[in-house]
Structures are given as C-alpha cells and as structure tokens.
Amino acid sequence: DYKGQKLAEQIFQGIILVSAVIGFIYGYITEQFGWTVYIVMAGFALSCLLTLPPWPMYRRNPLKWLPVQESGTEEKKAADRKPKRHFKS
C-alpha cells in the first residue's frame, strides 16, 4: 500500500541521514575517514533490514483491487470492433 511505502521511505531516509551525521562527527573527532564509511554502511544495512522485507507495519492499508474478469469477454469485445481500413492517398 502507498502509506506503507511512504513510511518505509521515511524510515530509510531517516536512518541514512542520522547514520551519516553520526559517522561524519565520529570520523571527524577520531580523524579516521574509515569510521565514517563503516557507520554509514551500518546505517544502510540497518535501514535495508527494516524497510526491504514486507513487515506487517507496511501492510496496514491494503489496496482494493478490481475483480478478475473472464478472458472470454475481452475476446468478444475485440471481435465486435470494426476493422480499421487504411486508404492509400
């Protein structure tokens, strides 16, 4: 559902942003760029774990789908149409 997709996107972006800020600050304090990369990668892994699987919190508002139509009705509609005629000019 669309509300679940929006929630997942907000969680993903929030975790990435927070981990990037924490990683930058920690890397700046320790003067090690590697720690910045590790913290951002850990945030990315955490956000993927929380947002990629179809958790129940993302499926609270299911979409209403149209009922399945029989395939024979489409064939009848196609047969009822007049054939197109192409004229040469």
PDB file of N, CA and C in Angstrom:
ATOM      1  N   ASP A   1       0.827  -1.184   0.000  1.00  0.00           N
ATOM      2  CA  ASP A   1       0.000   0.000   0.000  1.00  0.00           C
ATOM      3  C   ASP A   1       0.873   1.251   0.000  1.00  0.00           C
ATOM      4  N   TYR A   2       0.268   2.340  -0.384  1.00  0.00           N
ATOM      5  CA  TYR A   2       1.037   3.570  -0.572  1.00  0.00           C
ATOM      6  C   TYR A   2       1.486   4.184   0.749  1.00  0.00           C
ATOM      7  N   LYS A   3       0.674   4.060   1.785  1.00  0.00           N
ATOM      8  CA  LYS A   3       1.073   4.603   3.084  1.00  0.00           C
ATOM      9  C   LYS A   3       2.256   3.821   3.645  1.00  0.00           C
ATOM     10  N   GLY A   4       2.272   2.529   3.440  1.00  0.00           N
ATOM     11  CA  GLY A   4       3.394   1.701   3.867  1.00  0.00           C
ATOM     12  C   GLY A   4       4.663   2.027   3.107  1.00  0.00           C
ATOM     13  N   GLN A   5       4.541   2.299   1.809  1.00  0.00           N
ATOM     14  CA  GLN A   5       5.706   2.693   1.016  1.00  0.00           C
ATOM     15  C   GLN A   5       6.263   4.024   1.496  1.00  0.00           C
ATOM     16  N   LYS A   6       5.368   4.945   1.826  1.00  0.00           N
ATOM     17  CA  LYS A   6       5.803   6.254   2.324  1.00  0.00           C
ATOM     18  C   LYS A   6       6.521   6.099   3.655  1.00  0.00           C
ATOM     19  N   LEU A   7       5.972   5.275   4.546  1.00  0.00           N
ATOM     20  CA  LEU A   7       6.597   5.036   5.843  1.00  0.00           C
ATOM     21  C   LEU A   7       7.971   4.398   5.678  1.00  0.00           C
ATOM     22  N   ALA A   8       8.072   3.404   4.813  1.00  0.00           N
ATOM     23  CA  ALA A   8       9.357   2.749   4.574  1.00  0.00           C
ATOM     24  C   ALA A   8      10.386   3.732   4.023  1.00  0.00           C
ATOM     25  N   GLU A   9       9.974   4.598   3.120  1.00  0.00           N
ATOM     26  CA  GLU A   9      10.882   5.598   2.554  1.00  0.00           C
ATOM     27  C   GLU A   9      11.349   6.589   3.621  1.00  0.00           C
ATOM     28  N   GLN A  10      10.432   7.009   4.497  1.00  0.00           N
ATOM     29  CA  GLN A  10      10.803   7.938   5.568  1.00  0.00           C
ATOM     30  C   GLN A  10      11.770   7.288   6.554  1.00  0.00           C
ATOM     31  N   ILE A  11      11.518   6.038   6.905  1.00  0.00           N
ATOM     32  CA  ILE A  11      12.418   5.322   7.817  1.00  0.00           C
ATOM     33  C   ILE A  11      13.785   5.166   7.177  1.00  0.00           C
ATOM     34  N   PHE A  12      13.821   4.767   5.913  1.00  0.00           N
ATOM     35  CA  PHE A  12      15.079   4.571   5.192  1.00  0.00           C
ATOM     36  C   PHE A  12      15.893   5.862   5.156  1.00  0.00           C
ATOM     37  N   GLN A  13      15.248   6.955   4.751  1.00  0.00           N
ATOM     38  CA  GLN A  13      15.955   8.229   4.664  1.00  0.00           C
ATOM     39  C   GLN A  13      16.400   8.726   6.035  1.00  0.00           C
ATOM     40  N   GLY A  14      15.563   8.529   7.049  1.00  0.00           N
ATOM     41  CA  GLY A  14      15.916   8.966   8.400  1.00  0.00           C
ATOM     42  C   GLY A  14      17.130   8.240   8.942  1.00  0.00           C
ATOM     43  N   ILE A  15      17.174   6.932   8.768  1.00  0.00           N
ATOM     44  CA  ILE A  15      18.305   6.148   9.269  1.00  0.00           C
ATOM     45  C   ILE A  15      19.579   6.514   8.518  1.00  0.00           C
ATOM     46  N   ILE A  16      19.485   6.668   7.202  1.00  0.00           N
ATOM     47  CA  ILE A  16      20.662   7.047   6.411  1.00  0.00           C
ATOM     48  C   ILE A  16      21.177   8.421   6.849  1.00  0.00           C
ATOM     49  N   LEU A  17      20.268   9.366   7.048  1.00  0.00           N
ATOM     50  CA  LEU A  17      20.672  10.717   7.448  1.00  0.00           C
ATOM     51  C   LEU A  17      21.323  10.717   8.828  1.00  0.00           C
ATOM     52  N   VAL A  18      20.708  10.043   9.786  1.00  0.00           N
ATOM     53  CA  VAL A  18      21.255  10.002  11.145  1.00  0.00           C
ATOM     54  C   VAL A  18      22.609   9.300  11.160  1.00  0.00           C
ATOM     55  N   SER A  19      22.718   8.186  10.458  1.00  0.00           N
ATOM     56  CA  SER A  19      24.000   7.475  10.441  1.00  0.00           C
ATOM     57  C   SER A  19      25.084   8.296   9.740  1.00  0.00           C
ATOM     58  N   ALA A  20      24.716   9.059   8.713  1.00  0.00           N
ATOM     59  CA  ALA A  20      25.703   9.901   8.031  1.00  0.00           C
ATOM     60  C   ALA A  20      26.201  11.014   8.947  1.00  0.00           C
ATOM     61  N   VAL A  21      25.291  11.624   9.692  1.00  0.00           N
ATOM     62  CA  VAL A  21      25.694  12.688  10.618  1.00  0.00           C
ATOM     63  C   VAL A  21      26.562  12.128  11.737  1.00  0.00           C
ATOM     64  N   ILE A  22      26.135  11.016  12.320  1.00  0.00           N
ATOM     65  CA  ILE A  22      26.926  10.397  13.399  1.00  0.00           C
ATOM     66  C   ILE A  22      28.285   9.952  12.864  1.00  0.00           C
ATOM     67  N   GLY A  23      28.291   9.330  11.699  1.00  0.00           N
ATOM     68  CA  GLY A  23      29.546   8.875  11.105  1.00  0.00           C
ATOM     69  C   GLY A  23      30.491  10.024  10.811  1.00  0.00           C
ATOM     70  N   PHE A  24      29.935  11.131  10.283  1.00  0.00           N
ATOM     71  CA  PHE A  24      30.786  12.278   9.991  1.00  0.00           C
ATOM     72  C   PHE A  24      31.375  12.859  11.276  1.00  0.00           C
ATOM     73  N   ILE A  25      30.551  13.019  12.299  1.00  0.00           N
ATOM     74  CA  ILE A  25      31.042  13.594  13.559  1.00  0.00           C
ATOM     75  C   ILE A  25      32.082  12.679  14.194  1.00  0.00           C
ATOM     76  N   TYR A  26      31.796  11.377  14.256  1.00  0.00           N
ATOM     77  CA  TYR A  26      32.743  10.446  14.867  1.00  0.00           C
ATOM     78  C   TYR A  26      34.034  10.367  14.054  1.00  0.00           C
ATOM     79  N   GLY A  27      33.920  10.341  12.746  1.00  0.00           N
ATOM     80  CA  GLY A  27      35.111  10.315  11.892  1.00  0.00           C
ATOM     81  C   GLY A  27      35.928  11.591  12.010  1.00  0.00           C
ATOM     82  N   TYR A  28      35.268  12.722  12.176  1.00  0.00           N
ATOM     83  CA  TYR A  28      35.969  13.996  12.339  1.00  0.00           C
ATOM     84  C   TYR A  28      36.723  14.039  13.665  1.00  0.00           C
ATOM     85  N   ILE A  29      36.061  13.530  14.728  1.00  0.00           N
ATOM     86  CA  ILE A  29      36.693  13.548  16.048  1.00  0.00           C
ATOM     87  C   ILE A  29      37.902  12.621  16.079  1.00  0.00           C
ATOM     88  N   THR A  30      37.759  11.429  15.530  1.00  0.00           N
ATOM     89  CA  THR A  30      38.858  10.452  15.553  1.00  0.00           C
ATOM     90  C   THR A  30      39.843  10.648  14.402  1.00  0.00           C
ATOM     91  N   GLU A  31      39.487  11.530  13.462  1.00  0.00           N
ATOM     92  CA  GLU A  31      40.308  11.797  12.280  1.00  0.00           C
ATOM     93  C   GLU A  31      40.555  10.533  11.462  1.00  0.00           C
ATOM     94  N   GLN A  32      39.502   9.721  11.356  1.00  0.00           N
ATOM     95  CA  GLN A  32      39.562   8.478  10.577  1.00  0.00           C
ATOM     96  C   GLN A  32      38.341   8.430   9.649  1.00  0.00           C
ATOM     97  N   PHE A  33      38.589   8.605   8.369  1.00  0.00           N
ATOM     98  CA  PHE A  33      37.507   8.564   7.394  1.00  0.00           C
ATOM     99  C   PHE A  33      36.876   7.170   7.310  1.00  0.00           C
ATOM    100  N   GLY A  34      37.652   6.168   7.606  1.00  0.00           N
ATOM    101  CA  GLY A  34      37.156   4.787   7.567  1.00  0.00           C
ATOM    102  C   GLY A  34      35.984   4.574   8.507  1.00  0.00           C
ATOM    103  N   TRP A  35      36.029   5.180   9.693  1.00  0.00           N
ATOM    104  CA  TRP A  35      34.927   5.034  10.643  1.00  0.00           C
ATOM    105  C   TRP A  35      33.646   5.674  10.105  1.00  0.00           C
ATOM    106  N   THR A  36      33.801   6.763   9.391  1.00  0.00           N
ATOM    107  CA  THR A  36      32.635   7.395   8.778  1.00  0.00           C
ATOM    108  C   THR A  36      31.978   6.435   7.790  1.00  0.00           C
ATOM    109  N   VAL A  37      32.793   5.815   6.972  1.00  0.00           N
ATOM    110  CA  VAL A  37      32.263   4.874   5.979  1.00  0.00           C
ATOM    111  C   VAL A  37      31.618   3.677   6.663  1.00  0.00           C
ATOM    112  N   TYR A  38      32.247   3.132   7.698  1.00  0.00           N
ATOM    113  CA  TYR A  38      31.688   1.972   8.406  1.00  0.00           C
ATOM    114  C   TYR A  38      30.350   2.303   9.054  1.00  0.00           C
ATOM    115  N   ILE A  39      30.236   3.471   9.650  1.00  0.00           N
ATOM    116  CA  ILE A  39      28.987   3.841  10.318  1.00  0.00           C
ATOM    117  C   ILE A  39      27.876   4.065   9.298  1.00  0.00           C
ATOM    118  N   VAL A  40      28.199   4.701   8.181  1.00  0.00           N
ATOM    119  CA  VAL A  40      27.184   4.900   7.143  1.00  0.00           C
ATOM    120  C   VAL A  40      26.770   3.554   6.543  1.00  0.00           C
ATOM    121  N   MET A  41      27.716   2.656   6.335  1.00  0.00           N
ATOM    122  CA  MET A  41      27.379   1.326   5.810  1.00  0.00           C
ATOM    123  C   MET A  41      26.512   0.546   6.805  1.00  0.00           C
ATOM    124  N   ALA A  42      26.796   0.673   8.101  1.00  0.00           N
ATOM    125  CA  ALA A  42      25.972   0.017   9.116  1.00  0.00           C
ATOM    126  C   ALA A  42      24.559   0.598   9.109  1.00  0.00           C
ATOM    127  N   GLY A  43      24.436   1.906   8.957  1.00  0.00           N
ATOM    128  CA  GLY A  43      23.118   2.530   8.852  1.00  0.00           C
ATOM    129  C   GLY A  43      22.362   2.066   7.625  1.00  0.00           C
ATOM    130  N   PHE A  44      23.080   1.924   6.522  1.00  0.00           N
ATOM    131  CA  PHE A  44      22.461   1.422   5.296  1.00  0.00           C
ATOM    132  C   PHE A  44      21.958  -0.010   5.494  1.00  0.00           C
ATOM    133  N   ALA A  45      22.783  -0.857   6.106  1.00  0.00           N
ATOM    134  CA  ALA A  45      22.380  -2.250   6.355  1.00  0.00           C
ATOM    135  C   ALA A  45      21.164  -2.307   7.277  1.00  0.00           C
ATOM    136  N   LEU A  46      21.164  -1.474   8.325  1.00  0.00           N
ATOM    137  CA  LEU A  46      20.030  -1.442   9.250  1.00  0.00           C
ATOM    138  C   LEU A  46      18.763  -0.975   8.531  1.00  0.00           C
ATOM    139  N   SER A  47      18.887   0.060   7.718  1.00  0.00           N
ATOM    140  CA  SER A  47      17.705   0.561   7.016  1.00  0.00           C
ATOM    141  C   SER A  47      17.187  -0.463   6.006  1.00  0.00           C
ATOM    142  N   CYS A  48      18.075  -1.187   5.362  1.00  0.00           N
ATOM    143  CA  CYS A  48      17.638  -2.247   4.445  1.00  0.00           C
ATOM    144  C   CYS A  48      16.915  -3.359   5.204  1.00  0.00           C
ATOM    145  N   LEU A  49      17.430  -3.713   6.358  1.00  0.00           N
ATOM    146  CA  LEU A  49      16.798  -4.751   7.174  1.00  0.00           C
ATOM    147  C   LEU A  49      15.401  -4.327   7.627  1.00  0.00           C
ATOM    148  N   LEU A  50      15.226  -3.047   7.918  1.00  0.00           N
ATOM    149  CA  LEU A  50      13.939  -2.571   8.410  1.00  0.00           C
ATOM    150  C   LEU A  50      12.934  -2.246   7.310  1.00  0.00           C
ATOM    151  N   THR A  51      13.396  -1.949   6.111  1.00  0.00           N
ATOM    152  CA  THR A  51      12.457  -1.484   5.084  1.00  0.00           C
ATOM    153  C   THR A  51      12.243  -2.426   3.907  1.00  0.00           C
ATOM    154  N   LEU A  52      13.179  -3.314   3.593  1.00  0.00           N
ATOM    155  CA  LEU A  52      13.007  -4.163   2.417  1.00  0.00           C
ATOM    156  C   LEU A  52      12.043  -5.333   2.610  1.00  0.00           C
ATOM    157  N   PRO A  53      12.081  -6.061   3.729  1.00  0.00           N
ATOM    158  CA  PRO A  53      11.106  -7.147   3.884  1.00  0.00           C
ATOM    159  C   PRO A  53       9.691  -6.585   4.048  1.00  0.00           C
ATOM    160  N   PRO A  54       8.679  -7.339   3.640  1.00  0.00           N
ATOM    161  CA  PRO A  54       7.295  -6.857   3.760  1.00  0.00           C
ATOM    162  C   PRO A  54       6.763  -7.021   5.190  1.00  0.00           C
ATOM    163  N   TRP A  55       7.255  -6.212   6.113  1.00  0.00           N
ATOM    164  CA  TRP A  55       6.823  -6.276   7.500  1.00  0.00           C
ATOM    165  C   TRP A  55       5.340  -5.900   7.602  1.00  0.00           C
ATOM    166  N   PRO A  56       4.633  -6.435   8.609  1.00  0.00           N
ATOM    167  CA  PRO A  56       3.197  -6.119   8.753  1.00  0.00           C
ATOM    168  C   PRO A  56       2.907  -4.630   8.946  1.00  0.00           C
ATOM    169  N   MET A  57       3.842  -3.885   9.501  1.00  0.00           N
ATOM    170  CA  MET A  57       3.588  -2.455   9.717  1.00  0.00           C
ATOM    171  C   MET A  57       3.487  -1.689   8.401  1.00  0.00           C
ATOM    172  N   TYR A  58       3.965  -2.266   7.311  1.00  0.00           N
ATOM    173  CA  TYR A  58       3.875  -1.628   5.998  1.00  0.00           C
ATOM    174  C   TYR A  58       2.640  -2.086   5.222  1.00  0.00           C
ATOM    175  N   ARG A  59       1.896  -3.033   5.763  1.00  0.00           N
ATOM    176  CA  ARG A  59       0.736  -3.594   5.040  1.00  0.00           C
ATOM    177  C   ARG A  59      -0.558  -3.377   5.803  1.00  0.00           C
ATOM    178  N   ARG A  60      -0.682  -2.264   6.481  1.00  0.00           N
ATOM    179  CA  ARG A  60      -1.891  -1.988   7.264  1.00  0.00           C
ATOM    180  C   ARG A  60      -3.043  -1.473   6.412  1.00  0.00           C
ATOM    181  N   ASN A  61      -2.767  -0.900   5.271  1.00  0.00           N
ATOM    182  CA  ASN A  61      -3.798  -0.311   4.414  1.00  0.00           C
ATOM    183  C   ASN A  61      -3.752  -0.960   3.028  1.00  0.00           C
ATOM    184  N   PRO A  62      -4.279  -2.183   2.896  1.00  0.00           N
ATOM    185  CA  PRO A  62      -4.188  -2.859   1.598  1.00  0.00           C
ATOM    186  C   PRO A  62      -5.027  -2.150   0.540  1.00  0.00           C
ATOM    187  N   LEU A  63      -4.590  -2.256  -0.700  1.00  0.00           N
ATOM    188  CA  LEU A  63      -5.306  -1.654  -1.821  1.00  0.00           C
ATOM    189  C   LEU A  63      -6.478  -2.532  -2.228  1.00  0.00           C
ATOM    190  N   LYS A  64      -7.544  -1.897  -2.677  1.00  0.00           N
ATOM    191  CA  LYS A  64      -8.716  -2.626  -3.180  1.00  0.00           C
ATOM    192  C   LYS A  64      -8.515  -2.852  -4.677  1.00  0.00           C
ATOM    193  N   TRP A  65      -8.354  -4.103  -5.062  1.00  0.00           N
ATOM    194  CA  TRP A  65      -8.134  -4.436  -6.465  1.00  0.00           C
ATOM    195  C   TRP A  65      -9.464  -4.717  -7.138  1.00  0.00           C
ATOM    196  N   LEU A  66      -9.518  -4.508  -8.434  1.00  0.00           N
ATOM    197  CA  LEU A  66     -10.714  -4.830  -9.196  1.00  0.00           C
ATOM    198  C   LEU A  66     -10.862  -6.348  -9.306  1.00  0.00           C
ATOM    199  N   PRO A  67     -12.094  -6.840  -9.400  1.00  0.00           N
ATOM    200  CA  PRO A  67     -12.260  -8.293  -9.544  1.00  0.00           C
ATOM    201  C   PRO A  67     -11.731  -8.764 -10.892  1.00  0.00           C
ATOM    202  N   VAL A  68     -11.365 -10.024 -10.942  1.00  0.00           N
ATOM    203  CA  VAL A  68     -10.821 -10.616 -12.162  1.00  0.00           C
ATOM    204  C   VAL A  68     -11.941 -10.787 -13.171  1.00  0.00           C
ATOM    205  N   GLN A  69     -11.679 -10.383 -14.407  1.00  0.00           N
ATOM    206  CA  GLN A  69     -12.665 -10.547 -15.476  1.00  0.00           C
ATOM    207  C   GLN A  69     -12.350 -11.818 -16.253  1.00  0.00           C
ATOM    208  N   GLU A  70     -13.396 -12.405 -16.794  1.00  0.00           N
ATOM    209  CA  GLU A  70     -13.203 -13.603 -17.588  1.00  0.00           C
ATOM    210  C   GLU A  70     -12.495 -13.226 -18.885  1.00  0.00           C
ATOM    211  N   SER A  71     -11.653 -14.120 -19.378  1.00  0.00           N
ATOM    212  CA  SER A  71     -10.893 -13.826 -20.599  1.00  0.00           C
ATOM    213  C   SER A  71     -11.784 -13.822 -21.835  1.00  0.00           C
ATOM    214  N   GLY A  72     -12.921 -14.491 -21.811  1.00  0.00           N
ATOM    215  CA  GLY A  72     -13.819 -14.544 -22.964  1.00  0.00           C
ATOM    216  C   GLY A  72     -14.429 -13.197 -23.293  1.00  0.00           C
ATOM    217  N   THR A  73     -14.644 -12.344 -22.309  1.00  0.00           N
ATOM    218  CA  THR A  73     -15.258 -11.049 -22.575  1.00  0.00           C
ATOM    219  C   THR A  73     -14.332 -10.151 -23.381  1.00  0.00           C
ATOM    220  N   GLU A  74     -13.036 -10.254 -23.165  1.00  0.00           N
ATOM    221  CA  GLU A  74     -12.092  -9.446 -23.931  1.00  0.00           C
ATOM    222  C   GLU A  74     -12.078  -9.877 -25.395  1.00  0.00           C
ATOM    223  N   GLU A  75     -12.189 -11.186 -25.620  1.00  0.00           N
ATOM    224  CA  GLU A  75     -12.191 -11.680 -26.994  1.00  0.00           C
ATOM    225  C   GLU A  75     -13.460 -11.233 -27.720  1.00  0.00           C
ATOM    226  N   LYS A  76     -14.602 -11.207 -27.017  1.00  0.00           N
ATOM    227  CA  LYS A  76     -15.843 -10.757 -27.641  1.00  0.00           C
ATOM    228  C   LYS A  76     -15.749  -9.283 -28.003  1.00  0.00           C
ATOM    229  N   LYS A  77     -15.209  -8.485 -27.095  1.00  0.00           N
ATOM    230  CA  LYS A  77     -15.090  -7.059 -27.359  1.00  0.00           C
ATOM    231  C   LYS A  77     -14.185  -6.800 -28.558  1.00  0.00           C
ATOM    232  N   ALA A  78     -13.120  -7.548 -28.675  1.00  0.00           N
ATOM    233  CA  ALA A  78     -12.206  -7.379 -29.803  1.00  0.00           C
ATOM    234  C   ALA A  78     -12.887  -7.796 -31.107  1.00  0.00           C
ATOM    235  N   ALA A  79     -13.726  -8.817 -31.066  1.00  0.00           N
ATOM    236  CA  ALA A  79     -14.408  -9.291 -32.266  1.00  0.00           C
ATOM    237  C   ALA A  79     -15.525  -8.332 -32.673  1.00  0.00           C
ATOM    238  N   ASP A  80     -16.134  -7.650 -31.713  1.00  0.00           N
ATOM    239  CA  ASP A  80     -17.220  -6.714 -32.008  1.00  0.00           C
ATOM    240  C   ASP A  80     -16.727  -5.434 -32.668  1.00  0.00           C
ATOM    241  N   ARG A  81     -15.500  -5.097 -32.539  1.00  0.00           N
ATOM    242  CA  ARG A  81     -14.966  -3.866 -33.114  1.00  0.00           C
ATOM    243  C   ARG A  81     -14.891  -3.976 -34.634  1.00  0.00           C
ATOM    244  N   LYS A  82     -15.083  -2.842 -35.263  1.00  0.00           N
ATOM    245  CA  LYS A  82     -14.971  -2.823 -36.716  1.00  0.00           C
ATOM    246  C   LYS A  82     -13.497  -2.804 -37.091  1.00  0.00           C
ATOM    247  N   PRO A  83     -13.134  -3.519 -38.127  1.00  0.00           N
ATOM    248  CA  PRO A  83     -11.717  -3.492 -38.539  1.00  0.00           C
ATOM    249  C   PRO A  83     -11.367  -2.118 -39.114  1.00  0.00           C
ATOM    250  N   LYS A  84     -10.168  -1.688 -38.874  1.00  0.00           N
ATOM    251  CA  LYS A  84      -9.712  -0.406 -39.399  1.00  0.00           C
ATOM    252  C   LYS A  84      -9.330  -0.570 -40.860  1.00  0.00           C
ATOM    253  N   ARG A  85      -9.730   0.418 -41.645  1.00  0.00           N
ATOM    254  CA  ARG A  85      -9.393   0.385 -43.065  1.00  0.00           C
ATOM    255  C   ARG A  85      -8.382   1.485 -43.325  1.00  0.00           C
ATOM    256  N   HIS A  86      -7.373   1.126 -44.011  1.00  0.00           N
ATOM    257  CA  HIS A  86      -6.332   2.087 -44.364  1.00  0.00           C
ATOM    258  C   HIS A  86      -6.454   2.412 -45.842  1.00  0.00           C
ATOM    259  N   PHE A  87      -6.568   3.681 -46.129  1.00  0.00           N
ATOM    260  CA  PHE A  87      -6.696   4.130 -47.503  1.00  0.00           C
ATOM    261  C   PHE A  87      -5.382   4.692 -47.981  1.00  0.00           C
ATOM    262  N   LYS A  88      -5.041   4.355 -49.198  1.00  0.00           N
ATOM    263  CA  LYS A  88      -3.822   4.908 -49.786  1.00  0.00           C
ATOM    264  C   LYS A  88      -4.164   6.246 -50.413  1.00  0.00           C
ATOM    265  N   SER A  89      -3.287   7.214 -50.213  1.00  0.00           N
ATOM    266  CA  SER A  89      -3.567   8.519 -50.818  1.00  0.00           C
ATOM    267  C   SER A  89      -2.789   8.747 -52.067  1.00  0.00           C
TER     268      SER A  89
END
